[in-house]
Amino acid sequence: MRRRHDDLPWDESDAIYHYIGVYIVEFSSIVSLMRHFVSSFISPDAEYGGNPMLDSVFDKMTADPIRTSFFALCREYAHLEDEDERIRATLNAHVQRMTERRNEIAHADWHVGWVIADTDEVVPPTATKIHVAKDGIRREEVFNANKLINLIVEIDILRKSLRHFGFTCLKRHSGDLSVQPSDILEISKHQRFGKIVVHGEEQWLKAKLEIAEQKLRDAEQRLREAIELPASDPAETAPGMADTPNPEQDTPSDPS
């Protein structure tokens, strides 16, 4: 095998490069949001953007310690009711799982953009992560653009729930016990939608995911028509020119 020529048509390899970048950037917004809430718990009067003294503490904190600190502060100081505590625990587990997934993507052995030397056939992109466990050494898993795009949508949903939860906990910490997370959030029965969602939004989330997947299929069809390749099963092959979902890029603000 050899590396493909740079002048080959945009293919799934280019899509993988694109969506890895989008995923890493969007995940960083989750960490930034939790860091902001930790700072606000400790220094409520600090303007958004950070407290210089706290920034020196955050300097060496990676995503998981920030997650642990944020959810511990919420549990200790937000005076949560039973249902709110269940929401806290569910969100905490979800962020932990997403952090582990981010580390797998960032530290996997990626093989992207290779072609077979004799035929110039593009080799499907793969990402291998080695796990040493009690049952031996496991290697997983093959990623494609469809999987990455679903993870990006999941981050979008998680960030919205986390923002509502964090600001509500800050209000309760400041003495306003008239609001609680369960007034806004609920535990979803559909893991596909991120476990915690805003009341009444499951149908909206389902439609959003379906739209994103349809954009992927449409873009793949345009790509294949452009380079005159036979059509393939869209469930197995990801597009290279798909429109990226537009996760919220706004600065965190009080949703109430």
C-alpha atoms as a PDB file:
ATOM      1  CA  MET A   1       0.000   0.000   0.000  1.00  0.00           C
ATOM      2  CA  ARG A   2       1.000   3.633  -0.369  1.00  0.00           C
ATOM      3  CA  ARG A   3      -0.388   7.029   0.445  1.00  0.00           C
ATOM      4  CA  ARG A   4      -2.928   8.286  -2.051  1.00  0.00           C
ATOM      5  CA  HIS A   5      -2.211  11.167  -4.399  1.00  0.00           C
ATOM      6  CA  ASP A   6      -3.366  14.571  -3.152  1.00  0.00           C
ATOM      7  CA  ASP A   7      -5.147  15.197  -6.446  1.00  0.00           C
ATOM      8  CA  LEU A   8      -7.529  12.251  -6.080  1.00  0.00           C
ATOM      9  CA  PRO A   9     -11.241  13.163  -5.692  1.00  0.00           C
ATOM     10  CA  TRP A  10     -12.565  13.933  -2.221  1.00  0.00           C
ATOM     11  CA  ASP A  11     -13.409  10.595  -0.656  1.00  0.00           C
ATOM     12  CA  GLU A  12     -14.213   9.049   2.693  1.00  0.00           C
ATOM     13  CA  SER A  13     -10.643   9.624   3.877  1.00  0.00           C
ATOM     14  CA  ASP A  14     -11.141  13.381   3.553  1.00  0.00           C
ATOM     15  CA  ALA A  15     -14.439  13.066   5.423  1.00  0.00           C
ATOM     16  CA  ILE A  16     -12.714  11.213   8.265  1.00  0.00           C
ATOM     17  CA  TYR A  17     -10.091  13.953   8.586  1.00  0.00           C
ATOM     18  CA  HIS A  18     -12.845  16.573   8.615  1.00  0.00           C
ATOM     19  CA  TYR A  19     -15.095  14.911  11.183  1.00  0.00           C
ATOM     20  CA  ILE A  20     -12.269  13.968  13.544  1.00  0.00           C
ATOM     21  CA  GLY A  21     -11.462  17.669  13.737  1.00  0.00           C
ATOM     22  CA  VAL A  22     -15.093  18.683  14.212  1.00  0.00           C
ATOM     23  CA  TYR A  23     -15.550  16.056  16.928  1.00  0.00           C
ATOM     24  CA  ILE A  24     -12.446  17.096  18.909  1.00  0.00           C
ATOM     25  CA  VAL A  25     -13.404  20.777  18.739  1.00  0.00           C
ATOM     26  CA  GLU A  26     -17.011  20.139  19.781  1.00  0.00           C
ATOM     27  CA  PHE A  27     -15.979  17.889  22.656  1.00  0.00           C
ATOM     28  CA  SER A  28     -13.716  20.661  23.961  1.00  0.00           C
ATOM     29  CA  SER A  29     -16.833  22.824  24.366  1.00  0.00           C
ATOM     30  CA  ILE A  30     -18.165  20.305  26.917  1.00  0.00           C
ATOM     31  CA  VAL A  31     -14.955  20.617  28.957  1.00  0.00           C
ATOM     32  CA  SER A  32     -15.014  24.412  28.677  1.00  0.00           C
ATOM     33  CA  LEU A  33     -18.615  24.525  29.893  1.00  0.00           C
ATOM     34  CA  MET A  34     -17.897  22.375  32.962  1.00  0.00           C
ATOM     35  CA  ARG A  35     -14.785  24.427  33.755  1.00  0.00           C
ATOM     36  CA  HIS A  36     -16.890  27.584  33.613  1.00  0.00           C
ATOM     37  CA  PHE A  37     -19.394  26.116  36.072  1.00  0.00           C
ATOM     38  CA  VAL A  38     -16.662  24.996  38.494  1.00  0.00           C
ATOM     39  CA  SER A  39     -15.213  28.499  38.390  1.00  0.00           C
ATOM     40  CA  SER A  40     -18.672  29.999  39.001  1.00  0.00           C
ATOM     41  CA  PHE A  41     -19.292  27.766  42.027  1.00  0.00           C
ATOM     42  CA  ILE A  42     -16.005  28.843  43.608  1.00  0.00           C
ATOM     43  CA  SER A  43     -15.947  32.456  42.464  1.00  0.00           C
ATOM     44  CA  PRO A  44     -19.531  33.535  41.641  1.00  0.00           C
ATOM     45  CA  ASP A  45     -18.615  37.158  40.977  1.00  0.00           C
ATOM     46  CA  ALA A  46     -15.955  36.379  38.374  1.00  0.00           C
ATOM     47  CA  GLU A  47     -16.808  37.436  34.836  1.00  0.00           C
ATOM     48  CA  TYR A  48     -17.140  34.757  32.180  1.00  0.00           C
ATOM     49  CA  GLY A  49     -13.728  34.029  30.748  1.00  0.00           C
ATOM     50  CA  GLY A  50     -12.041  32.834  33.888  1.00  0.00           C
ATOM     51  CA  ASN A  51     -10.542  33.836  37.184  1.00  0.00           C
ATOM     52  CA  PRO A  52      -6.727  34.149  36.808  1.00  0.00           C
ATOM     53  CA  MET A  53      -6.147  32.401  40.133  1.00  0.00           C
ATOM     54  CA  LEU A  54      -8.466  29.541  39.216  1.00  0.00           C
ATOM     55  CA  ASP A  55      -6.961  29.354  35.743  1.00  0.00           C
ATOM     56  CA  SER A  56      -3.654  28.393  37.333  1.00  0.00           C
ATOM     57  CA  VAL A  57      -5.429  25.463  38.996  1.00  0.00           C
ATOM     58  CA  PHE A  58      -7.187  24.416  35.798  1.00  0.00           C
ATOM     59  CA  ASP A  59      -3.909  24.478  33.859  1.00  0.00           C
ATOM     60  CA  LYS A  60      -3.095  20.804  34.505  1.00  0.00           C
ATOM     61  CA  MET A  61      -6.667  19.533  34.785  1.00  0.00           C
ATOM     62  CA  THR A  62      -7.797  17.329  31.933  1.00  0.00           C
ATOM     63  CA  ALA A  63     -11.424  16.568  31.048  1.00  0.00           C
ATOM     64  CA  ASP A  64     -12.042  13.845  33.624  1.00  0.00           C
ATOM     65  CA  PRO A  65     -10.873  15.731  36.746  1.00  0.00           C
ATOM     66  CA  ILE A  66     -12.948  18.722  35.639  1.00  0.00           C
ATOM     67  CA  ARG A  67     -15.970  16.436  35.216  1.00  0.00           C
ATOM     68  CA  THR A  68     -15.444  14.937  38.667  1.00  0.00           C
ATOM     69  CA  SER A  69     -15.141  18.373  40.289  1.00  0.00           C
ATOM     70  CA  PHE A  70     -18.192  19.801  38.527  1.00  0.00           C
ATOM     71  CA  PHE A  71     -20.599  16.989  39.416  1.00  0.00           C
ATOM     72  CA  ALA A  72     -19.246  16.771  42.982  1.00  0.00           C
ATOM     73  CA  LEU A  73     -19.915  20.493  43.493  1.00  0.00           C
ATOM     74  CA  CYS A  74     -23.440  20.092  42.128  1.00  0.00           C
ATOM     75  CA  ARG A  75     -24.131  17.216  44.480  1.00  0.00           C
ATOM     76  CA  GLU A  76     -22.692  18.986  47.521  1.00  0.00           C
ATOM     77  CA  TYR A  77     -23.953  22.538  47.098  1.00  0.00           C
ATOM     78  CA  ALA A  78     -27.019  22.552  44.802  1.00  0.00           C
ATOM     79  CA  HIS A  79     -29.356  20.882  47.357  1.00  0.00           C
ATOM     80  CA  LEU A  80     -30.683  18.413  44.790  1.00  0.00           C
ATOM     81  CA  GLU A  81     -33.941  16.491  45.196  1.00  0.00           C
ATOM     82  CA  ASP A  82     -34.115  12.753  44.485  1.00  0.00           C
ATOM     83  CA  GLU A  83     -35.061  13.101  40.796  1.00  0.00           C
ATOM     84  CA  ASP A  84     -32.463  15.853  40.338  1.00  0.00           C
ATOM     85  CA  GLU A  85     -29.812  13.556  41.824  1.00  0.00           C
ATOM     86  CA  ARG A  86     -30.759  10.859  39.331  1.00  0.00           C
ATOM     87  CA  ILE A  87     -30.355  13.406  36.528  1.00  0.00           C
ATOM     88  CA  ARG A  88     -26.960  14.424  37.950  1.00  0.00           C
ATOM     89  CA  ALA A  89     -25.771  10.813  38.120  1.00  0.00           C
ATOM     90  CA  THR A  90     -26.985  10.084  34.585  1.00  0.00           C
ATOM     91  CA  LEU A  91     -25.320  13.181  33.135  1.00  0.00           C
ATOM     92  CA  ASN A  92     -22.126  12.393  35.014  1.00  0.00           C
ATOM     93  CA  ALA A  93     -22.004   8.873  33.574  1.00  0.00           C
ATOM     94  CA  HIS A  94     -22.738  10.189  30.089  1.00  0.00           C
ATOM     95  CA  VAL A  95     -19.952  12.795  30.200  1.00  0.00           C
ATOM     96  CA  GLN A  96     -17.561  10.150  31.534  1.00  0.00           C
ATOM     97  CA  ARG A  97     -18.473   7.821  28.674  1.00  0.00           C
ATOM     98  CA  MET A  98     -18.045  10.597  26.112  1.00  0.00           C
ATOM     99  CA  THR A  99     -14.648  11.482  27.610  1.00  0.00           C
ATOM    100  CA  GLU A 100     -13.532   7.875  27.235  1.00  0.00           C
ATOM    101  CA  ARG A 101     -14.782   7.874  23.640  1.00  0.00           C
ATOM    102  CA  ARG A 102     -12.935  11.110  22.911  1.00  0.00           C
ATOM    103  CA  ASN A 103      -9.701   9.595  24.252  1.00  0.00           C
ATOM    104  CA  GLU A 104     -10.190   6.515  22.086  1.00  0.00           C
ATOM    105  CA  ILE A 105     -10.628   8.671  18.992  1.00  0.00           C
ATOM    106  CA  ALA A 106      -7.717  10.961  19.839  1.00  0.00           C
ATOM    107  CA  HIS A 107      -5.286   8.162  20.731  1.00  0.00           C
ATOM    108  CA  ALA A 108      -6.319   5.411  18.314  1.00  0.00           C
ATOM    109  CA  ASP A 109      -4.035   4.135  15.569  1.00  0.00           C
ATOM    110  CA  TRP A 110      -5.651   5.705  12.522  1.00  0.00           C
ATOM    111  CA  HIS A 111      -5.041   4.416   9.003  1.00  0.00           C
ATOM    112  CA  VAL A 112      -6.562   6.960   6.661  1.00  0.00           C
ATOM    113  CA  GLY A 113      -5.850   7.807   3.035  1.00  0.00           C
ATOM    114  CA  TRP A 114      -4.063   4.642   1.925  1.00  0.00           C
ATOM    115  CA  VAL A 115      -4.483   3.120  -1.523  1.00  0.00           C
ATOM    116  CA  ILE A 116      -3.494  -0.220  -3.018  1.00  0.00           C
ATOM    117  CA  ALA A 117      -0.367   0.478  -5.046  1.00  0.00           C
ATOM    118  CA  ASP A 118      -1.279  -1.632  -8.083  1.00  0.00           C
ATOM    119  CA  THR A 119      -4.868  -0.452  -8.497  1.00  0.00           C
ATOM    120  CA  ASP A 120      -5.109   2.947  -6.742  1.00  0.00           C
ATOM    121  CA  GLU A 121      -8.122   1.530  -4.899  1.00  0.00           C
ATOM    122  CA  VAL A 122      -8.721   3.497  -1.704  1.00  0.00           C
ATOM    123  CA  VAL A 123      -8.458   1.357   1.445  1.00  0.00           C
ATOM    124  CA  PRO A 124     -11.386   2.028   3.849  1.00  0.00           C
ATOM    125  CA  PRO A 125     -10.300   4.153   6.839  1.00  0.00           C
ATOM    126  CA  THR A 126      -9.835   2.291  10.109  1.00  0.00           C
ATOM    127  CA  ALA A 127      -9.064   3.221  13.700  1.00  0.00           C
ATOM    128  CA  THR A 128      -7.669   0.589  16.055  1.00  0.00           C
ATOM    129  CA  LYS A 129      -7.551   0.993  19.826  1.00  0.00           C
ATOM    130  CA  ILE A 130      -5.846  -1.739  21.820  1.00  0.00           C
ATOM    131  CA  HIS A 131      -7.404  -2.633  25.182  1.00  0.00           C
ATOM    132  CA  VAL A 132      -5.669  -4.971  27.599  1.00  0.00           C
ATOM    133  CA  ALA A 133      -8.335  -6.633  29.739  1.00  0.00           C
ATOM    134  CA  LYS A 134      -8.813  -9.729  31.877  1.00  0.00           C
ATOM    135  CA  ASP A 135      -9.940 -11.690  28.849  1.00  0.00           C
ATOM    136  CA  GLY A 136      -6.838 -10.765  26.865  1.00  0.00           C
ATOM    137  CA  ILE A 137      -5.982  -8.111  24.303  1.00  0.00           C
ATOM    138  CA  ARG A 138      -8.861  -6.609  22.370  1.00  0.00           C
ATOM    139  CA  ARG A 139      -8.611  -4.391  19.321  1.00  0.00           C
ATOM    140  CA  GLU A 140     -11.501  -2.191  18.253  1.00  0.00           C
ATOM    141  CA  GLU A 141     -13.057  -0.569  16.206  1.00  0.00           C
ATOM    142  CA  VAL A 142     -13.582   0.566  12.632  1.00  0.00           C
ATOM    143  CA  PHE A 143     -14.802   4.164  12.406  1.00  0.00           C
ATOM    144  CA  ASN A 144     -16.435   5.831   9.461  1.00  0.00           C
ATOM    145  CA  ALA A 145     -17.853   9.304   8.893  1.00  0.00           C
ATOM    146  CA  ASN A 146     -21.374   8.150   9.835  1.00  0.00           C
ATOM    147  CA  LYS A 147     -20.234   7.095  13.302  1.00  0.00           C
ATOM    148  CA  LEU A 148     -18.357  10.344  13.838  1.00  0.00           C
ATOM    149  CA  ILE A 149     -21.289  12.473  12.697  1.00  0.00           C
ATOM    150  CA  ASN A 150     -23.593  10.699  15.166  1.00  0.00           C
ATOM    151  CA  LEU A 151     -21.125  11.393  17.973  1.00  0.00           C
ATOM    152  CA  ILE A 152     -21.078  15.084  16.998  1.00  0.00           C
ATOM    153  CA  VAL A 153     -24.872  15.220  17.188  1.00  0.00           C
ATOM    154  CA  GLU A 154     -24.711  13.484  20.577  1.00  0.00           C
ATOM    155  CA  ILE A 155     -22.315  16.144  21.867  1.00  0.00           C
ATOM    156  CA  ASP A 156     -24.723  18.849  20.690  1.00  0.00           C
ATOM    157  CA  ILE A 157     -27.533  17.254  22.704  1.00  0.00           C
ATOM    158  CA  LEU A 158     -25.328  16.662  25.752  1.00  0.00           C
ATOM    159  CA  ARG A 159     -24.079  20.255  25.785  1.00  0.00           C
ATOM    160  CA  LYS A 160     -27.611  21.637  25.805  1.00  0.00           C
ATOM    161  CA  SER A 161     -28.639  19.406  28.741  1.00  0.00           C
ATOM    162  CA  LEU A 162     -25.413  20.165  30.614  1.00  0.00           C
ATOM    163  CA  ARG A 163     -25.932  23.914  30.217  1.00  0.00           C
ATOM    164  CA  HIS A 164     -29.440  23.761  31.685  1.00  0.00           C
ATOM    165  CA  PHE A 165     -28.283  21.532  34.522  1.00  0.00           C
ATOM    166  CA  GLY A 166     -25.267  23.676  35.408  1.00  0.00           C
ATOM    167  CA  PHE A 167     -27.081  26.997  35.489  1.00  0.00           C
ATOM    168  CA  THR A 168     -29.915  25.539  37.536  1.00  0.00           C
ATOM    169  CA  CYS A 169     -27.441  24.146  40.071  1.00  0.00           C
ATOM    170  CA  LEU A 170     -25.717  27.529  40.299  1.00  0.00           C
ATOM    171  CA  LYS A 171     -29.051  29.192  41.024  1.00  0.00           C
ATOM    172  CA  ARG A 172     -29.785  26.723  43.795  1.00  0.00           C
ATOM    173  CA  HIS A 173     -26.291  27.232  45.200  1.00  0.00           C
ATOM    174  CA  SER A 174     -26.962  30.983  45.338  1.00  0.00           C
ATOM    175  CA  GLY A 175     -30.129  30.382  47.385  1.00  0.00           C
ATOM    176  CA  ASP A 176     -32.822  30.293  44.715  1.00  0.00           C
ATOM    177  CA  LEU A 177     -34.483  26.946  45.440  1.00  0.00           C
ATOM    178  CA  SER A 178     -37.541  27.755  43.320  1.00  0.00           C
ATOM    179  CA  VAL A 179     -35.935  26.042  40.315  1.00  0.00           C
ATOM    180  CA  GLN A 180     -34.593  22.533  40.009  1.00  0.00           C
ATOM    181  CA  PRO A 181     -33.082  20.526  37.141  1.00  0.00           C
ATOM    182  CA  SER A 182     -36.078  18.183  36.883  1.00  0.00           C
ATOM    183  CA  ASP A 183     -38.259  21.198  36.011  1.00  0.00           C
ATOM    184  CA  ILE A 184     -36.370  21.375  32.703  1.00  0.00           C
ATOM    185  CA  LEU A 185     -34.695  18.021  32.128  1.00  0.00           C
ATOM    186  CA  GLU A 186     -35.823  14.421  32.035  1.00  0.00           C
ATOM    187  CA  ILE A 187     -34.124  11.050  31.687  1.00  0.00           C
ATOM    188  CA  SER A 188     -34.755   9.814  28.174  1.00  0.00           C
ATOM    189  CA  LYS A 189     -35.796   6.246  27.485  1.00  0.00           C
ATOM    190  CA  HIS A 190     -33.840   6.377  24.224  1.00  0.00           C
ATOM    191  CA  GLN A 191     -30.080   6.185  24.673  1.00  0.00           C
ATOM    192  CA  ARG A 192     -29.709   7.387  21.110  1.00  0.00           C
ATOM    193  CA  PHE A 193     -30.801  10.831  22.254  1.00  0.00           C
ATOM    194  CA  GLY A 194     -28.173  11.273  24.925  1.00  0.00           C
ATOM    195  CA  LYS A 195     -30.038   9.970  27.995  1.00  0.00           C
ATOM    196  CA  ILE A 196     -30.875  13.441  29.388  1.00  0.00           C
ATOM    197  CA  VAL A 197     -33.058  15.753  27.299  1.00  0.00           C
ATOM    198  CA  VAL A 198     -35.125  18.891  27.723  1.00  0.00           C
ATOM    199  CA  HIS A 199     -38.781  18.097  28.452  1.00  0.00           C
ATOM    200  CA  GLY A 200     -40.746  17.410  25.286  1.00  0.00           C
ATOM    201  CA  GLU A 201     -37.821  17.521  22.861  1.00  0.00           C
ATOM    202  CA  GLU A 202     -37.369  13.851  22.008  1.00  0.00           C
ATOM    203  CA  GLN A 203     -39.308  14.152  18.752  1.00  0.00           C
ATOM    204  CA  TRP A 204     -37.272  17.224  17.818  1.00  0.00           C
ATOM    205  CA  LEU A 205     -34.037  15.348  18.545  1.00  0.00           C
ATOM    206  CA  LYS A 206     -35.180  12.378  16.503  1.00  0.00           C
ATOM    207  CA  ALA A 207     -35.970  14.645  13.558  1.00  0.00           C
ATOM    208  CA  LYS A 208     -32.619  16.411  13.911  1.00  0.00           C
ATOM    209  CA  LEU A 209     -30.705  13.146  13.738  1.00  0.00           C
ATOM    210  CA  GLU A 210     -32.738  11.927  10.773  1.00  0.00           C
ATOM    211  CA  ILE A 211     -32.043  15.186   8.910  1.00  0.00           C
ATOM    212  CA  ALA A 212     -28.302  14.844   9.552  1.00  0.00           C
ATOM    213  CA  GLU A 213     -28.320  11.267   8.281  1.00  0.00           C
ATOM    214  CA  GLN A 214     -30.288  12.258   5.165  1.00  0.00           C
ATOM    215  CA  LYS A 215     -27.747  14.988   4.411  1.00  0.00           C
ATOM    216  CA  LEU A 216     -25.026  12.357   4.557  1.00  0.00           C
ATOM    217  CA  ARG A 217     -26.862  10.127   2.101  1.00  0.00           C
ATOM    218  CA  ASP A 218     -27.589  13.017  -0.284  1.00  0.00           C
ATOM    219  CA  ALA A 219     -23.980  14.183  -0.229  1.00  0.00           C
ATOM    220  CA  GLU A 220     -22.697  10.670  -0.890  1.00  0.00           C
ATOM    221  CA  GLN A 221     -24.988  10.363  -3.888  1.00  0.00           C
ATOM    222  CA  ARG A 222     -23.733  13.682  -5.299  1.00  0.00           C
ATOM    223  CA  LEU A 223     -20.170  12.561  -4.761  1.00  0.00           C
ATOM    224  CA  ARG A 224     -20.685   9.225  -6.491  1.00  0.00           C
ATOM    225  CA  GLU A 225     -22.397  10.875  -9.437  1.00  0.00           C
ATOM    226  CA  ALA A 226     -19.471  13.292  -9.737  1.00  0.00           C
ATOM    227  CA  ILE A 227     -16.807  10.591  -9.814  1.00  0.00           C
ATOM    228  CA  GLU A 228     -19.013   7.973 -11.534  1.00  0.00           C
ATOM    229  CA  LEU A 229     -18.771   5.280  -8.881  1.00  0.00           C
ATOM    230  CA  PRO A 230     -21.443   2.616  -8.337  1.00  0.00           C
ATOM    231  CA  ALA A 231     -23.874   3.343  -5.522  1.00  0.00           C
ATOM    232  CA  SER A 232     -23.375   1.572  -2.205  1.00  0.00           C
ATOM    233  CA  ASP A 233     -25.365   0.934   0.920  1.00  0.00           C
ATOM    234  CA  PRO A 234     -25.503   4.305   2.760  1.00  0.00           C
ATOM    235  CA  ALA A 235     -25.670   2.478   6.080  1.00  0.00           C
ATOM    236  CA  GLU A 236     -22.178   1.107   5.452  1.00  0.00           C
ATOM    237  CA  THR A 237     -20.445   3.918   3.635  1.00  0.00           C
ATOM    238  CA  ALA A 238     -20.156   7.521   4.733  1.00  0.00           C
ATOM    239  CA  PRO A 239     -20.083  10.558   2.451  1.00  0.00           C
ATOM    240  CA  GLY A 240     -17.106  12.745   1.970  1.00  0.00           C
ATOM    241  CA  MET A 241     -18.865  16.010   1.377  1.00  0.00           C
ATOM    242  CA  ALA A 242     -21.674  15.846   3.867  1.00  0.00           C
ATOM    243  CA  ASP A 243     -22.866  18.988   5.514  1.00  0.00           C
ATOM    244  CA  THR A 244     -21.775  19.079   9.123  1.00  0.00           C
ATOM    245  CA  PRO A 245     -24.506  19.436  11.744  1.00  0.00           C
ATOM    246  CA  ASN A 246     -24.342  22.850  13.304  1.00  0.00           C
ATOM    247  CA  PRO A 247     -23.841  22.254  17.038  1.00  0.00           C
ATOM    248  CA  GLU A 248     -24.479  25.393  19.051  1.00  0.00           C
ATOM    249  CA  GLN A 249     -21.485  27.682  19.149  1.00  0.00           C
ATOM    250  CA  ASP A 250     -22.961  30.240  21.496  1.00  0.00           C
ATOM    251  CA  THR A 251     -21.348  31.430  24.673  1.00  0.00           C
ATOM    252  CA  PRO A 252     -23.035  29.820  27.682  1.00  0.00           C
ATOM    253  CA  SER A 253     -25.806  31.969  29.039  1.00  0.00           C
ATOM    254  CA  ASP A 254     -28.537  31.493  31.579  1.00  0.00           C
ATOM    255  CA  PRO A 255     -31.337  29.577  29.778  1.00  0.00           C
ATOM    256  CA  SER A 256     -33.945  30.975  32.098  1.00  0.00           C
END
